[in-house]
Amino acid sequence: DAAEAFRLGLANRVVPQDQLLPACREMAEKIASRGPVAVRLCKDAVNSGMEMDLVRACQYEADHFALCFSSDEQKEGMRAFLEKRQPKFQG
């Protein structure tokens, strides 16, 4: 059940069934507010990493991190943080 999945760390949040759709929308909006390149690379690392051994998956994630860290998104995120404003990511 959901409580057991949460206890085991398989879920990070449990909500009543009537709150499921609003909770999903809230999470989707949070993800959508992030940099699109970083979100795409994160999704790829998770999906592809499932099919790899641990060493290869960690290297794959590190490669993706390097791509993110050298991106314009990272620069905008850092600038926004230093300027105490919300980042304006380009698609």
C-alpha atoms as a PDB file:
ATOM      1  CA  ASP A   1       0.000   0.000   0.000  1.00  0.00           C
ATOM      2  CA  ALA A   2       0.975   3.675  -0.235  1.00  0.00           C
ATOM      3  CA  ALA A   3       2.061   3.987   3.396  1.00  0.00           C
ATOM      4  CA  GLU A   4       4.394   1.005   3.021  1.00  0.00           C
ATOM      5  CA  ALA A   5       5.834   2.386  -0.235  1.00  0.00           C
ATOM      6  CA  PHE A   6       6.496   5.672   1.571  1.00  0.00           C
ATOM      7  CA  ARG A   7       8.074   3.889   4.538  1.00  0.00           C
ATOM      8  CA  LEU A   8      10.385   1.954   2.192  1.00  0.00           C
ATOM      9  CA  GLY A   9      11.394   5.114   0.336  1.00  0.00           C
ATOM     10  CA  LEU A  10       9.665   4.096  -2.903  1.00  0.00           C
ATOM     11  CA  ALA A  11       7.426   7.170  -2.718  1.00  0.00           C
ATOM     12  CA  ASN A  12       8.342  10.622  -1.461  1.00  0.00           C
ATOM     13  CA  ARG A  13       4.822  11.757  -0.692  1.00  0.00           C
ATOM     14  CA  VAL A  14       1.435  10.177   0.031  1.00  0.00           C
ATOM     15  CA  VAL A  15      -1.800  12.116  -0.372  1.00  0.00           C
ATOM     16  CA  PRO A  16      -5.472  11.195  -0.046  1.00  0.00           C
ATOM     17  CA  GLN A  17      -7.003  10.027  -3.324  1.00  0.00           C
ATOM     18  CA  ASP A  18      -9.116  13.174  -3.692  1.00  0.00           C
ATOM     19  CA  GLN A  19      -5.906  15.250  -3.514  1.00  0.00           C
ATOM     20  CA  LEU A  20      -3.946  13.176  -6.035  1.00  0.00           C
ATOM     21  CA  LEU A  21      -4.596  15.296  -9.142  1.00  0.00           C
ATOM     22  CA  PRO A  22      -3.814  18.630  -7.428  1.00  0.00           C
ATOM     23  CA  ALA A  23      -0.640  17.112  -5.947  1.00  0.00           C
ATOM     24  CA  CYS A  24       0.410  15.831  -9.383  1.00  0.00           C
ATOM     25  CA  ARG A  25      -0.228  19.234 -10.936  1.00  0.00           C
ATOM     26  CA  GLU A  26       1.797  20.904  -8.193  1.00  0.00           C
ATOM     27  CA  MET A  27       4.735  18.575  -8.863  1.00  0.00           C
ATOM     28  CA  ALA A  28       4.427  19.023 -12.646  1.00  0.00           C
ATOM     29  CA  GLU A  29       4.458  22.822 -12.248  1.00  0.00           C
ATOM     30  CA  LYS A  30       7.546  22.610 -10.054  1.00  0.00           C
ATOM     31  CA  ILE A  31       9.356  20.454 -12.636  1.00  0.00           C
ATOM     32  CA  ALA A  32       8.209  22.711 -15.495  1.00  0.00           C
ATOM     33  CA  SER A  33       9.655  25.754 -13.705  1.00  0.00           C
ATOM     34  CA  ARG A  34      13.141  24.243 -13.930  1.00  0.00           C
ATOM     35  CA  GLY A  35      15.509  24.562 -16.863  1.00  0.00           C
ATOM     36  CA  PRO A  36      14.268  22.460 -19.798  1.00  0.00           C
ATOM     37  CA  VAL A  37      17.727  21.131 -20.695  1.00  0.00           C
ATOM     38  CA  ALA A  38      18.381  20.021 -17.120  1.00  0.00           C
ATOM     39  CA  VAL A  39      14.946  18.381 -16.869  1.00  0.00           C
ATOM     40  CA  ARG A  40      15.471  16.545 -20.167  1.00  0.00           C
ATOM     41  CA  LEU A  41      18.941  15.332 -19.162  1.00  0.00           C
ATOM     42  CA  CYS A  42      17.708  14.260 -15.729  1.00  0.00           C
ATOM     43  CA  LYS A  43      14.849  12.283 -17.253  1.00  0.00           C
ATOM     44  CA  ASP A  44      17.256  10.660 -19.713  1.00  0.00           C
ATOM     45  CA  ALA A  45      19.734   9.754 -16.950  1.00  0.00           C
ATOM     46  CA  VAL A  46      17.012   8.126 -14.854  1.00  0.00           C
ATOM     47  CA  ASN A  47      15.418   6.227 -17.732  1.00  0.00           C
ATOM     48  CA  SER A  48      18.681   5.109 -19.335  1.00  0.00           C
ATOM     49  CA  GLY A  49      20.408   4.441 -16.029  1.00  0.00           C
ATOM     50  CA  MET A  50      17.819   1.823 -15.138  1.00  0.00           C
ATOM     51  CA  GLU A  51      19.303  -0.401 -17.838  1.00  0.00           C
ATOM     52  CA  MET A  52      22.952   0.049 -16.764  1.00  0.00           C
ATOM     53  CA  ASP A  53      25.156  -1.384 -14.070  1.00  0.00           C
ATOM     54  CA  LEU A  54      25.889   0.994 -11.200  1.00  0.00           C
ATOM     55  CA  VAL A  55      29.348   2.075 -12.381  1.00  0.00           C
ATOM     56  CA  ARG A  56      28.139   2.875 -15.903  1.00  0.00           C
ATOM     57  CA  ALA A  57      25.004   4.623 -14.594  1.00  0.00           C
ATOM     58  CA  CYS A  58      27.083   6.838 -12.278  1.00  0.00           C
ATOM     59  CA  GLN A  59      29.385   7.769 -15.160  1.00  0.00           C
ATOM     60  CA  TYR A  60      26.354   8.505 -17.370  1.00  0.00           C
ATOM     61  CA  GLU A  61      24.933  10.766 -14.656  1.00  0.00           C
ATOM     62  CA  ALA A  62      28.299  12.527 -14.239  1.00  0.00           C
ATOM     63  CA  ASP A  63      28.452  13.147 -17.995  1.00  0.00           C
ATOM     64  CA  HIS A  64      24.959  14.651 -17.905  1.00  0.00           C
ATOM     65  CA  PHE A  65      25.908  16.786 -14.896  1.00  0.00           C
ATOM     66  CA  ALA A  66      28.873  18.158 -16.842  1.00  0.00           C
ATOM     67  CA  LEU A  67      26.557  19.062 -19.724  1.00  0.00           C
ATOM     68  CA  CYS A  68      24.172  20.820 -17.345  1.00  0.00           C
ATOM     69  CA  PHE A  69      26.938  22.644 -15.528  1.00  0.00           C
ATOM     70  CA  SER A  70      28.367  24.049 -18.745  1.00  0.00           C
ATOM     71  CA  SER A  71      24.991  25.167 -20.107  1.00  0.00           C
ATOM     72  CA  ASP A  72      23.477  28.624 -20.456  1.00  0.00           C
ATOM     73  CA  GLU A  73      20.781  27.405 -18.053  1.00  0.00           C
ATOM     74  CA  GLN A  74      23.358  26.959 -15.306  1.00  0.00           C
ATOM     75  CA  LYS A  75      24.710  30.438 -15.904  1.00  0.00           C
ATOM     76  CA  GLU A  76      21.205  31.944 -15.783  1.00  0.00           C
ATOM     77  CA  GLY A  77      20.370  29.975 -12.645  1.00  0.00           C
ATOM     78  CA  MET A  78      23.521  31.164 -10.902  1.00  0.00           C
ATOM     79  CA  ARG A  79      22.955  34.765 -12.027  1.00  0.00           C
ATOM     80  CA  ALA A  80      19.363  34.648 -10.788  1.00  0.00           C
ATOM     81  CA  PHE A  81      20.467  33.233  -7.445  1.00  0.00           C
ATOM     82  CA  LEU A  82      23.082  35.944  -6.962  1.00  0.00           C
ATOM     83  CA  GLU A  83      20.593  38.631  -8.016  1.00  0.00           C
ATOM     84  CA  LYS A  84      17.930  37.115  -5.715  1.00  0.00           C
ATOM     85  CA  ARG A  85      15.377  36.670  -8.495  1.00  0.00           C
ATOM     86  CA  GLN A  86      13.616  33.819 -10.257  1.00  0.00           C
ATOM     87  CA  PRO A  87      15.545  32.427 -13.240  1.00  0.00           C
ATOM     88  CA  LYS A  88      14.245  33.002 -16.764  1.00  0.00           C
ATOM     89  CA  PHE A  89      15.066  29.790 -18.599  1.00  0.00           C
ATOM     90  CA  GLN A  90      14.854  29.598 -22.396  1.00  0.00           C
ATOM     91  CA  GLY A  91      13.258  26.527 -23.998  1.00  0.00           C
END
